[in-house]
Amino acid sequence: MPAQRTLLPRSTPATAGVSSRAITALLDRLDAQAVECHSLMVVRHGHIVAEGWWAPYSAHRPHLLYSLTKSFTAIATGLAITDGLLSLDDRVVQVLPEHIPADITEQARRLSVHHLLSMTTGHHTDSLTQAWQLEPGDLVKGFLRVPFSAPEGTRHTYDNATTFVLARMVE
C-alpha cells in the first residue's frame, strides 16, 4: 500500500483544549443510544485530536458516501474557485477538452461550473445511468451526450453525474 499523506496534523485533546472525558462521554452516549457509526474524527484548530472506526470499518477501507460526496465536491469546487483555479463561468469543454464527444450539442458546450453545482444542466432526470450506457469508458463524455429536455439554468434536477463531472474538473 502506498504511503498515506497526512493532511492534518495530530494533537492530543488536552493540547487543543478538548476534554478527553467529553470525547469518551460522546462515545458512550452513541453506544447507549445504538447510533450506528462507521467512523468519528474530532478536529479542533486544524488538528485531529481524536479518531476511530467501528468494525468492520477502517481508515484504509473504501466507504460509499452516497450524497455526502456532493457536499465534499462542492467544497472542493469552492476551494478551487477561491484559489483562482476555476470560476463559476468555466465551461466543461474548456476544462476537460479531452472528454468532448464529436457530436456535442451547443447546450452541452455551454455547461458551466455553475450549472453543475446547481444541477441545472437541463436534463429531465438523473443522467448517470444513461451517461454510462452512452460512454461506458468515459462518464464525462457520456454526460455531455445525454439529451437535454430544458435549457441550461432553467430547471433543477437531482443529477448524480454533475458531481462526477465537477470532481473531474477539480481534479
N, C-alpha and C. Protein backbone atom coordinates (compact mmCIF):
# COMPACT_ATOMS: atom_id res chain seq x y z
N MET A 1 0.86 -1.18 0.00
CA MET A 1 0.00 0.00 0.00
C MET A 1 0.90 1.23 0.00
N PRO A 2 0.58 2.26 -0.83
CA PRO A 2 1.40 3.46 -0.86
C PRO A 2 1.34 4.21 0.46
N ALA A 3 2.40 4.96 0.75
CA ALA A 3 2.43 5.75 1.98
C ALA A 3 1.29 6.78 1.95
N GLN A 4 0.61 6.89 3.07
CA GLN A 4 -0.52 7.81 3.14
C GLN A 4 -0.01 9.19 3.55
N ARG A 5 -0.43 10.21 2.82
CA ARG A 5 -0.04 11.58 3.11
C ARG A 5 -0.90 12.10 4.25
N THR A 6 -0.29 12.73 5.22
CA THR A 6 -1.03 13.30 6.33
C THR A 6 -1.45 14.71 5.96
N LEU A 7 -2.74 14.94 5.90
CA LEU A 7 -3.26 16.25 5.52
C LEU A 7 -3.42 17.17 6.73
N LEU A 8 -3.80 16.62 7.86
CA LEU A 8 -3.96 17.42 9.07
C LEU A 8 -3.03 16.89 10.15
N PRO A 9 -2.39 17.77 10.89
CA PRO A 9 -1.53 17.30 11.98
C PRO A 9 -2.37 16.71 13.11
N ARG A 10 -1.75 15.85 13.87
CA ARG A 10 -2.41 15.24 15.03
C ARG A 10 -1.97 15.98 16.30
N SER A 11 -2.85 15.96 17.26
CA SER A 11 -2.57 16.59 18.54
C SER A 11 -3.35 15.83 19.61
N THR A 12 -3.01 16.04 20.85
CA THR A 12 -3.80 15.43 21.92
C THR A 12 -5.01 16.30 22.19
N PRO A 13 -6.06 15.72 22.69
CA PRO A 13 -7.23 16.54 23.02
C PRO A 13 -6.87 17.68 23.98
N ALA A 14 -6.09 17.38 25.03
CA ALA A 14 -5.75 18.40 26.03
C ALA A 14 -4.99 19.57 25.41
N THR A 15 -4.08 19.28 24.50
CA THR A 15 -3.30 20.34 23.85
C THR A 15 -4.21 21.28 23.06
N ALA A 16 -5.28 20.73 22.50
CA ALA A 16 -6.20 21.53 21.70
C ALA A 16 -7.34 22.12 22.53
N GLY A 17 -7.33 21.87 23.83
CA GLY A 17 -8.38 22.41 24.69
C GLY A 17 -9.68 21.63 24.64
N VAL A 18 -9.57 20.33 24.33
CA VAL A 18 -10.74 19.46 24.28
C VAL A 18 -10.63 18.46 25.43
N SER A 19 -11.73 18.22 26.08
CA SER A 19 -11.76 17.28 27.19
C SER A 19 -11.81 15.85 26.68
N SER A 20 -10.84 15.05 27.10
CA SER A 20 -10.85 13.62 26.75
C SER A 20 -12.09 12.95 27.34
N ARG A 21 -12.49 13.40 28.51
CA ARG A 21 -13.70 12.83 29.14
C ARG A 21 -14.94 13.14 28.31
N ALA A 22 -14.99 14.31 27.69
CA ALA A 22 -16.14 14.67 26.85
C ALA A 22 -16.19 13.77 25.62
N ILE A 23 -15.03 13.46 25.05
CA ILE A 23 -14.99 12.56 23.90
C ILE A 23 -15.45 11.17 24.31
N THR A 24 -14.97 10.70 25.45
CA THR A 24 -15.39 9.39 25.96
C THR A 24 -16.89 9.39 26.24
N ALA A 25 -17.41 10.47 26.80
CA ALA A 25 -18.85 10.57 27.09
C ALA A 25 -19.66 10.53 25.79
N LEU A 26 -19.15 11.18 24.76
CA LEU A 26 -19.83 11.14 23.46
C LEU A 26 -19.87 9.70 22.94
N LEU A 27 -18.76 9.01 22.99
CA LEU A 27 -18.72 7.62 22.52
C LEU A 27 -19.66 6.74 23.33
N ASP A 28 -19.70 6.93 24.64
CA ASP A 28 -20.62 6.16 25.49
C ASP A 28 -22.07 6.45 25.14
N ARG A 29 -22.38 7.72 24.88
CA ARG A 29 -23.75 8.09 24.54
C ARG A 29 -24.16 7.51 23.19
N LEU A 30 -23.26 7.54 22.20
CA LEU A 30 -23.56 6.93 20.90
C LEU A 30 -23.85 5.45 21.07
N ASP A 31 -23.05 4.79 21.89
CA ASP A 31 -23.25 3.36 22.15
C ASP A 31 -24.57 3.11 22.87
N ALA A 32 -24.87 3.90 23.88
CA ALA A 32 -26.09 3.73 24.65
C ALA A 32 -27.35 3.95 23.82
N GLN A 33 -27.26 4.86 22.85
CA GLN A 33 -28.42 5.15 22.01
C GLN A 33 -28.43 4.33 20.73
N ALA A 34 -27.50 3.38 20.64
CA ALA A 34 -27.41 2.47 19.48
C ALA A 34 -27.31 3.24 18.16
N VAL A 35 -26.55 4.33 18.17
CA VAL A 35 -26.31 5.09 16.94
C VAL A 35 -25.27 4.33 16.13
N GLU A 36 -25.61 4.02 14.88
CA GLU A 36 -24.68 3.28 14.03
C GLU A 36 -23.65 4.23 13.45
N CYS A 37 -22.44 4.14 13.95
CA CYS A 37 -21.35 4.97 13.44
C CYS A 37 -20.36 4.07 12.71
N HIS A 38 -19.75 4.63 11.71
CA HIS A 38 -18.70 3.91 10.98
C HIS A 38 -17.34 4.47 11.36
N SER A 39 -17.30 5.78 11.57
CA SER A 39 -16.05 6.42 11.99
C SER A 39 -16.37 7.76 12.64
N LEU A 40 -15.38 8.28 13.33
CA LEU A 40 -15.52 9.56 14.00
C LEU A 40 -14.17 10.25 13.98
N MET A 41 -14.18 11.53 13.67
CA MET A 41 -12.96 12.33 13.74
C MET A 41 -13.31 13.65 14.41
N VAL A 42 -12.52 14.02 15.40
CA VAL A 42 -12.70 15.29 16.08
C VAL A 42 -11.52 16.17 15.69
N VAL A 43 -11.84 17.33 15.09
CA VAL A 43 -10.81 18.27 14.65
C VAL A 43 -11.03 19.58 15.39
N ARG A 44 -9.95 20.10 15.94
CA ARG A 44 -10.00 21.38 16.65
C ARG A 44 -8.79 22.21 16.25
N HIS A 45 -9.04 23.43 15.83
CA HIS A 45 -7.97 24.34 15.42
C HIS A 45 -7.05 23.70 14.38
N GLY A 46 -7.64 22.95 13.44
CA GLY A 46 -6.86 22.37 12.35
C GLY A 46 -6.05 21.13 12.74
N HIS A 47 -6.27 20.60 13.93
CA HIS A 47 -5.56 19.40 14.37
C HIS A 47 -6.56 18.28 14.68
N ILE A 48 -6.22 17.08 14.27
CA ILE A 48 -7.04 15.92 14.62
C ILE A 48 -6.69 15.56 16.06
N VAL A 49 -7.71 15.59 16.92
CA VAL A 49 -7.46 15.30 18.34
C VAL A 49 -8.03 13.95 18.75
N ALA A 50 -8.87 13.37 17.92
CA ALA A 50 -9.39 12.02 18.20
C ALA A 50 -9.94 11.46 16.90
N GLU A 51 -9.74 10.16 16.69
CA GLU A 51 -10.31 9.49 15.53
C GLU A 51 -10.41 8.01 15.83
N GLY A 52 -11.40 7.38 15.21
CA GLY A 52 -11.57 5.96 15.40
C GLY A 52 -12.62 5.40 14.46
N TRP A 53 -12.65 4.09 14.36
CA TRP A 53 -13.56 3.39 13.45
C TRP A 53 -14.23 2.25 14.20
N TRP A 54 -15.45 1.97 13.80
CA TRP A 54 -16.19 0.84 14.33
C TRP A 54 -16.02 -0.31 13.34
N ALA A 55 -15.73 -1.49 13.84
CA ALA A 55 -15.54 -2.67 12.99
C ALA A 55 -16.84 -2.92 12.22
N PRO A 56 -16.73 -3.29 10.97
CA PRO A 56 -15.55 -3.71 10.21
C PRO A 56 -14.87 -2.56 9.46
N TYR A 57 -15.23 -1.31 9.74
CA TYR A 57 -14.68 -0.18 9.01
C TYR A 57 -13.28 0.16 9.50
N SER A 58 -12.50 0.79 8.64
CA SER A 58 -11.15 1.20 9.00
C SER A 58 -10.75 2.39 8.13
N ALA A 59 -9.63 2.99 8.47
CA ALA A 59 -9.15 4.15 7.71
C ALA A 59 -8.80 3.78 6.27
N HIS A 60 -8.45 2.55 6.04
CA HIS A 60 -7.99 2.14 4.71
C HIS A 60 -9.06 1.43 3.89
N ARG A 61 -10.24 1.27 4.45
CA ARG A 61 -11.32 0.60 3.73
C ARG A 61 -12.16 1.63 2.98
N PRO A 62 -12.28 1.50 1.65
CA PRO A 62 -13.15 2.43 0.91
C PRO A 62 -14.58 2.38 1.46
N HIS A 63 -15.23 3.51 1.45
CA HIS A 63 -16.55 3.61 2.05
C HIS A 63 -17.46 4.38 1.11
N LEU A 64 -18.62 3.85 0.82
CA LEU A 64 -19.59 4.55 -0.02
C LEU A 64 -20.18 5.72 0.77
N LEU A 65 -20.09 6.90 0.21
CA LEU A 65 -20.58 8.09 0.89
C LEU A 65 -21.88 8.62 0.31
N TYR A 66 -22.28 8.08 -0.82
CA TYR A 66 -23.52 8.47 -1.47
C TYR A 66 -23.60 10.00 -1.60
N SER A 67 -24.68 10.61 -1.16
CA SER A 67 -24.89 12.03 -1.40
C SER A 67 -23.94 12.94 -0.63
N LEU A 68 -23.26 12.43 0.36
CA LEU A 68 -22.26 13.24 1.05
C LEU A 68 -21.15 13.65 0.09
N THR A 69 -20.94 12.83 -0.94
CA THR A 69 -19.95 13.15 -1.96
C THR A 69 -20.25 14.50 -2.59
N LYS A 70 -21.51 14.84 -2.76
CA LYS A 70 -21.87 16.12 -3.36
C LYS A 70 -21.38 17.29 -2.50
N SER A 71 -21.49 17.16 -1.19
CA SER A 71 -21.02 18.22 -0.30
C SER A 71 -19.51 18.37 -0.38
N PHE A 72 -18.79 17.26 -0.35
CA PHE A 72 -17.32 17.32 -0.46
C PHE A 72 -16.89 17.91 -1.80
N THR A 73 -17.57 17.51 -2.86
CA THR A 73 -17.22 18.01 -4.19
C THR A 73 -17.53 19.50 -4.29
N ALA A 74 -18.63 19.94 -3.73
CA ALA A 74 -18.97 21.37 -3.75
C ALA A 74 -17.93 22.17 -2.97
N ILE A 75 -17.48 21.65 -1.84
CA ILE A 75 -16.44 22.33 -1.05
C ILE A 75 -15.14 22.39 -1.85
N ALA A 76 -14.75 21.28 -2.46
CA ALA A 76 -13.52 21.26 -3.27
C ALA A 76 -13.62 22.25 -4.43
N THR A 77 -14.80 22.34 -5.03
CA THR A 77 -15.01 23.29 -6.12
C THR A 77 -14.87 24.72 -5.60
N GLY A 78 -15.47 25.00 -4.46
CA GLY A 78 -15.36 26.33 -3.86
C GLY A 78 -13.92 26.69 -3.54
N LEU A 79 -13.17 25.74 -3.03
CA LEU A 79 -11.75 25.99 -2.74
C LEU A 79 -10.97 26.27 -4.02
N ALA A 80 -11.27 25.51 -5.08
CA ALA A 80 -10.60 25.73 -6.37
C ALA A 80 -10.95 27.12 -6.92
N ILE A 81 -12.20 27.55 -6.73
CA ILE A 81 -12.60 28.88 -7.16
C ILE A 81 -11.87 29.94 -6.34
N THR A 82 -11.83 29.76 -5.03
CA THR A 82 -11.13 30.70 -4.15
C THR A 82 -9.65 30.82 -4.52
N ASP A 83 -9.05 29.70 -4.89
CA ASP A 83 -7.63 29.70 -5.27
C ASP A 83 -7.39 30.17 -6.70
N GLY A 84 -8.46 30.52 -7.41
CA GLY A 84 -8.32 31.02 -8.77
C GLY A 84 -8.09 29.94 -9.81
N LEU A 85 -8.33 28.69 -9.45
CA LEU A 85 -8.12 27.58 -10.38
C LEU A 85 -9.34 27.31 -11.26
N LEU A 86 -10.50 27.71 -10.80
CA LEU A 86 -11.76 27.56 -11.53
C LEU A 86 -12.59 28.81 -11.29
N SER A 87 -13.60 29.00 -12.13
CA SER A 87 -14.59 30.05 -11.87
C SER A 87 -15.96 29.44 -12.14
N LEU A 88 -17.00 30.08 -11.64
CA LEU A 88 -18.35 29.60 -11.87
C LEU A 88 -18.71 29.59 -13.35
N ASP A 89 -18.05 30.45 -14.12
CA ASP A 89 -18.35 30.55 -15.55
C ASP A 89 -17.53 29.61 -16.41
N ASP A 90 -16.53 28.94 -15.84
CA ASP A 90 -15.74 27.99 -16.64
C ASP A 90 -16.64 26.89 -17.18
N ARG A 91 -16.43 26.56 -18.43
CA ARG A 91 -17.25 25.54 -19.09
C ARG A 91 -16.53 24.20 -19.09
N VAL A 92 -17.33 23.14 -19.06
CA VAL A 92 -16.78 21.78 -19.08
C VAL A 92 -15.86 21.61 -20.28
N VAL A 93 -16.27 22.12 -21.42
CA VAL A 93 -15.47 21.94 -22.64
C VAL A 93 -14.12 22.63 -22.57
N GLN A 94 -14.01 23.70 -21.76
CA GLN A 94 -12.74 24.40 -21.60
C GLN A 94 -11.81 23.63 -20.67
N VAL A 95 -12.37 23.09 -19.60
CA VAL A 95 -11.56 22.45 -18.56
C VAL A 95 -11.23 21.00 -18.90
N LEU A 96 -12.14 20.32 -19.58
CA LEU A 96 -11.95 18.89 -19.89
C LEU A 96 -12.05 18.65 -21.40
N PRO A 97 -11.23 19.30 -22.20
CA PRO A 97 -11.37 19.18 -23.66
C PRO A 97 -11.16 17.75 -24.19
N GLU A 98 -10.43 16.93 -23.46
CA GLU A 98 -10.19 15.55 -23.91
C GLU A 98 -11.41 14.65 -23.74
N HIS A 99 -12.47 15.16 -23.12
CA HIS A 99 -13.69 14.38 -22.88
C HIS A 99 -14.87 14.86 -23.71
N ILE A 100 -14.63 15.66 -24.72
CA ILE A 100 -15.72 16.24 -25.51
C ILE A 100 -16.08 15.30 -26.66
N PRO A 101 -17.35 14.88 -26.72
CA PRO A 101 -17.76 14.00 -27.82
C PRO A 101 -17.80 14.74 -29.16
N ALA A 102 -17.61 14.01 -30.23
CA ALA A 102 -17.63 14.61 -31.57
C ALA A 102 -18.99 15.21 -31.88
N ASP A 103 -20.07 14.61 -31.35
CA ASP A 103 -21.43 15.06 -31.65
C ASP A 103 -22.01 15.96 -30.56
N ILE A 104 -21.17 16.74 -29.89
CA ILE A 104 -21.63 17.57 -28.77
C ILE A 104 -22.61 18.64 -29.26
N THR A 105 -23.65 18.87 -28.47
CA THR A 105 -24.64 19.89 -28.80
C THR A 105 -24.17 21.26 -28.32
N GLU A 106 -24.81 22.30 -28.83
CA GLU A 106 -24.46 23.65 -28.38
C GLU A 106 -24.76 23.82 -26.90
N GLN A 107 -25.85 23.22 -26.42
CA GLN A 107 -26.17 23.34 -24.99
C GLN A 107 -25.09 22.69 -24.15
N ALA A 108 -24.63 21.53 -24.54
CA ALA A 108 -23.57 20.86 -23.78
C ALA A 108 -22.31 21.71 -23.77
N ARG A 109 -22.04 22.42 -24.86
CA ARG A 109 -20.87 23.31 -24.94
C ARG A 109 -20.96 24.46 -23.93
N ARG A 110 -22.19 24.85 -23.58
CA ARG A 110 -22.40 26.00 -22.68
C ARG A 110 -22.39 25.61 -21.21
N LEU A 111 -22.38 24.33 -20.88
CA LEU A 111 -22.49 23.94 -19.47
C LEU A 111 -21.29 24.42 -18.67
N SER A 112 -21.59 25.06 -17.56
CA SER A 112 -20.56 25.69 -16.73
C SER A 112 -20.49 25.05 -15.34
N VAL A 113 -19.49 25.45 -14.59
CA VAL A 113 -19.36 25.02 -13.19
C VAL A 113 -20.64 25.38 -12.44
N HIS A 114 -21.18 26.57 -12.69
CA HIS A 114 -22.42 26.98 -12.02
C HIS A 114 -23.57 26.01 -12.31
N HIS A 115 -23.73 25.62 -13.57
CA HIS A 115 -24.82 24.69 -13.93
C HIS A 115 -24.63 23.35 -13.23
N LEU A 116 -23.38 22.88 -13.14
CA LEU A 116 -23.13 21.59 -12.48
C LEU A 116 -23.39 21.69 -10.99
N LEU A 117 -22.91 22.75 -10.34
CA LEU A 117 -23.11 22.91 -8.90
C LEU A 117 -24.59 23.02 -8.54
N SER A 118 -25.35 23.73 -9.37
CA SER A 118 -26.78 23.94 -9.08
C SER A 118 -27.67 22.86 -9.67
N MET A 119 -27.05 21.89 -10.37
CA MET A 119 -27.80 20.81 -11.03
C MET A 119 -28.89 21.37 -11.93
N THR A 120 -28.49 22.36 -12.73
CA THR A 120 -29.42 22.99 -13.67
C THR A 120 -28.88 22.86 -15.10
N THR A 121 -28.47 21.65 -15.46
CA THR A 121 -27.89 21.43 -16.78
C THR A 121 -28.94 21.30 -17.87
N GLY A 122 -30.18 20.99 -17.47
CA GLY A 122 -31.25 20.83 -18.44
C GLY A 122 -31.69 19.40 -18.65
N HIS A 123 -31.09 18.47 -17.91
CA HIS A 123 -31.54 17.07 -18.01
C HIS A 123 -32.87 16.92 -17.26
N HIS A 124 -33.72 16.05 -17.78
CA HIS A 124 -35.04 15.84 -17.19
C HIS A 124 -34.98 14.98 -15.94
N THR A 125 -34.07 14.00 -15.92
CA THR A 125 -33.91 13.10 -14.77
C THR A 125 -32.41 12.90 -14.53
N ASP A 126 -32.09 12.16 -13.50
CA ASP A 126 -30.70 11.83 -13.20
C ASP A 126 -30.09 11.17 -14.44
N SER A 127 -28.98 11.72 -14.91
CA SER A 127 -28.40 11.27 -16.18
C SER A 127 -27.33 10.18 -16.01
N LEU A 128 -27.04 9.78 -14.79
CA LEU A 128 -25.91 8.89 -14.53
C LEU A 128 -25.97 7.59 -15.32
N THR A 129 -27.07 6.87 -15.22
CA THR A 129 -27.19 5.57 -15.90
C THR A 129 -27.08 5.74 -17.41
N GLN A 130 -27.78 6.71 -17.95
CA GLN A 130 -27.74 6.92 -19.40
C GLN A 130 -26.34 7.34 -19.86
N ALA A 131 -25.66 8.15 -19.06
CA ALA A 131 -24.30 8.58 -19.42
C ALA A 131 -23.36 7.37 -19.49
N TRP A 132 -23.47 6.47 -18.51
CA TRP A 132 -22.63 5.25 -18.53
C TRP A 132 -22.96 4.38 -19.74
N GLN A 133 -24.26 4.30 -20.08
CA GLN A 133 -24.65 3.49 -21.24
C GLN A 133 -24.12 4.08 -22.54
N LEU A 134 -24.13 5.39 -22.65
CA LEU A 134 -23.67 6.05 -23.87
C LEU A 134 -22.15 5.96 -24.04
N GLU A 135 -21.43 6.06 -22.93
CA GLU A 135 -19.96 6.04 -22.96
C GLU A 135 -19.44 5.26 -21.76
N PRO A 136 -19.42 3.94 -21.81
CA PRO A 136 -19.01 3.15 -20.65
C PRO A 136 -17.60 3.46 -20.14
N GLY A 137 -16.73 3.96 -20.99
CA GLY A 137 -15.37 4.24 -20.57
C GLY A 137 -15.09 5.69 -20.24
N ASP A 138 -16.09 6.57 -20.36
CA ASP A 138 -15.85 7.99 -20.14
C ASP A 138 -17.17 8.67 -19.72
N LEU A 139 -17.39 8.75 -18.42
CA LEU A 139 -18.65 9.30 -17.92
C LEU A 139 -18.83 10.77 -18.31
N VAL A 140 -17.77 11.54 -18.35
CA VAL A 140 -17.91 12.95 -18.74
C VAL A 140 -18.45 13.03 -20.16
N LYS A 141 -17.86 12.28 -21.06
CA LYS A 141 -18.30 12.29 -22.46
C LYS A 141 -19.75 11.80 -22.54
N GLY A 142 -20.09 10.75 -21.80
CA GLY A 142 -21.46 10.25 -21.79
C GLY A 142 -22.44 11.28 -21.27
N PHE A 143 -22.06 11.96 -20.19
CA PHE A 143 -22.89 13.02 -19.61
C PHE A 143 -23.19 14.11 -20.64
N LEU A 144 -22.17 14.50 -21.39
CA LEU A 144 -22.36 15.55 -22.40
C LEU A 144 -23.20 15.09 -23.58
N ARG A 145 -23.35 13.78 -23.75
CA ARG A 145 -24.17 13.24 -24.85
C ARG A 145 -25.62 12.98 -24.46
N VAL A 146 -25.93 12.98 -23.17
CA VAL A 146 -27.32 12.74 -22.74
C VAL A 146 -28.18 13.91 -23.24
N PRO A 147 -29.30 13.62 -23.91
CA PRO A 147 -30.16 14.70 -24.43
C PRO A 147 -30.72 15.58 -23.31
N PHE A 148 -30.90 16.84 -23.63
CA PHE A 148 -31.44 17.83 -22.69
C PHE A 148 -32.91 18.05 -22.97
N SER A 149 -33.70 18.24 -21.91
CA SER A 149 -35.13 18.49 -22.08
C SER A 149 -35.49 19.94 -21.78
N ALA A 150 -34.55 20.69 -21.22
CA ALA A 150 -34.80 22.10 -20.89
C ALA A 150 -33.50 22.88 -21.10
N PRO A 151 -33.59 24.17 -21.31
CA PRO A 151 -32.37 24.97 -21.44
C PRO A 151 -31.58 24.96 -20.12
N GLU A 152 -30.27 25.05 -20.23
CA GLU A 152 -29.44 25.10 -19.02
C GLU A 152 -29.83 26.30 -18.17
N GLY A 153 -29.76 26.10 -16.86
CA GLY A 153 -30.06 27.19 -15.93
C GLY A 153 -31.52 27.40 -15.63
N THR A 154 -32.41 26.62 -16.23
CA THR A 154 -33.85 26.87 -16.05
C THR A 154 -34.56 25.84 -15.18
N ARG A 155 -33.96 24.69 -14.96
CA ARG A 155 -34.65 23.62 -14.25
C ARG A 155 -33.66 22.85 -13.40
N HIS A 156 -33.99 22.67 -12.11
CA HIS A 156 -33.16 21.86 -11.23
C HIS A 156 -33.60 20.41 -11.32
N THR A 157 -32.64 19.52 -11.51
CA THR A 157 -32.89 18.09 -11.48
C THR A 157 -31.77 17.44 -10.70
N TYR A 158 -32.12 16.66 -9.68
CA TYR A 158 -31.10 15.95 -8.90
C TYR A 158 -30.38 15.02 -9.87
N ASP A 159 -29.09 15.28 -10.08
CA ASP A 159 -28.35 14.60 -11.13
C ASP A 159 -26.97 14.21 -10.63
N ASN A 160 -26.79 12.94 -10.33
CA ASN A 160 -25.54 12.44 -9.76
C ASN A 160 -24.34 12.65 -10.69
N ALA A 161 -24.56 12.62 -11.97
CA ALA A 161 -23.43 12.77 -12.90
C ALA A 161 -22.79 14.15 -12.81
N THR A 162 -23.54 15.17 -12.42
CA THR A 162 -22.96 16.50 -12.31
C THR A 162 -21.83 16.51 -11.28
N THR A 163 -22.00 15.77 -10.20
CA THR A 163 -20.96 15.71 -9.17
C THR A 163 -19.71 15.05 -9.70
N PHE A 164 -19.87 14.00 -10.48
CA PHE A 164 -18.71 13.32 -11.06
C PHE A 164 -17.97 14.28 -11.99
N VAL A 165 -18.70 14.98 -12.85
CA VAL A 165 -18.07 15.90 -13.80
C VAL A 165 -17.35 17.02 -13.04
N LEU A 166 -17.97 17.57 -12.01
CA LEU A 166 -17.31 18.60 -11.20
C LEU A 166 -16.03 18.06 -10.58
N ALA A 167 -16.09 16.85 -10.05
CA ALA A 167 -14.91 16.26 -9.42
C ALA A 167 -13.78 16.13 -10.43
N ARG A 168 -14.09 15.74 -11.65
CA ARG A 168 -13.07 15.63 -12.70
C ARG A 168 -12.50 17.02 -13.01
N MET A 169 -13.36 18.04 -13.01
CA MET A 169 -12.88 19.40 -13.29
C MET A 169 -11.94 19.87 -12.19
N VAL A 170 -12.27 19.60 -10.94
CA VAL A 170 -11.42 19.98 -9.82
C VAL A 170 -10.11 19.19 -9.87
N GLU A 171 -10.22 17.92 -10.20
CA GLU A 171 -9.04 17.07 -10.28
C GLU A 171 -8.05 17.61 -11.29
